[in-house]
Each structure stands twice: as structure tokens, then as C-alpha cells.
Amino acid sequence: EGTEVIGRTIRTGGFSCRVIGLMKSKGTAAMGGDQDDLLVMPIQTVQRRILGNTRVGALLISVNPQSDRDRLREAVKSLMRERRSLSDGDDDNFQILDTAEIAAKVASTTQIMTTLLAAVAAVSLLVGGIGIMNIMLVSVTERTREIGIRLAIGALEREVLLQFLIEALMLG
């Protein structure tokens, strides 16, 4: 399917390109982008004709999950230092990011934020509880005479307590 375009010339970005192959359909990416709507070109062509320079701004390397990530990282670092003509005493003028490390940092940050949110919620509940407790204390103190009269005419302590608990729930 679609093999009729192989060998044909298309225009993109103000210049012509010859189609030399098609990739299998991948569908929508995890972040919502269409992976089937891509044009893959040699880096030298992109640098020369689209970017206008030969400097590589970013490089994405996909590795096999079973591979030794540390060894690959060192190999990439060595290659980048060589390509940028850095001597042994020079600092790296590039950065290597590992998605596994980024994911771990994001998970750690999420955990910290969750803990902080739980602490804020606990303090809020404590302050709210203290406020309701103070209101109920004032209410009981001001209504001591009413409580005494109710108990004197036969109300049970349980009923008076229930009344104040319901009032506290209505306030909270």
C-alpha cells in the first residue's frame, strides 16, 4: 500500500525531495501526535537546506531496554567530546539526558508534592477542628442554664449530647 509514491519527487520546505521508502504505520503517539505524518530525511540535508547550519542542537537515541545504559552513555559522551574537539581538561559543552532518570525525578517530585498536599490538608483539618471545638465550647458554656433545665425536666444526657453533636456537624 502506498508503494506508488516511491521514486516520485515531492516539494517540501521550498525544495524538492525524492521518496525512497515508506515506514510502517505507527498510529498516534502517547502524547497525541500522529507518528504517521512524518518526513524522515538525512541529517546533512536538513542541516544544509532547512536549518542553514551544520550544528546539531539535540540528538535522540533510542536504546534496547536490555542494553547497558551506563556503557552507552559513556560511549555517546566520548563520541561527543571527540566530535567537538574537547581535550581531557575541558568541561563538556553538551548535556546527556536519560529518560529513565527524568522519569525517576518526576516520580520523586510527584511524591514530594503529594506529601506536601497531605500535610497542608492535615493542618487545615486540625485548624478547622480546633475552630469548631472552640465554637462548641462557647455554645455549651453560654447554654449551661438551658442544659440544666432540659436535664431537670427529664431529658437524657445522651439526648443533650446528641443535640450538641448535631450542631457541631452542622457547623463543620
Foldseek 3Di string as FASTA:
>chain_A
DPPVQQQPWDDDPHDIDGHHDADDADAADPVGHGPRPDDDDDLVCCQVPPVNHNDDPDDDDDDDPPDDVVVVVVVVQVVQCVVVVPDPPDDDPDDDDDVVVVVVVVVVVVVVVVVVVVVVVVVVVVVVVVVLVVVLVVVCVVCVVVVVVCVVVPDDPVVVVVVSVVVSVVVD
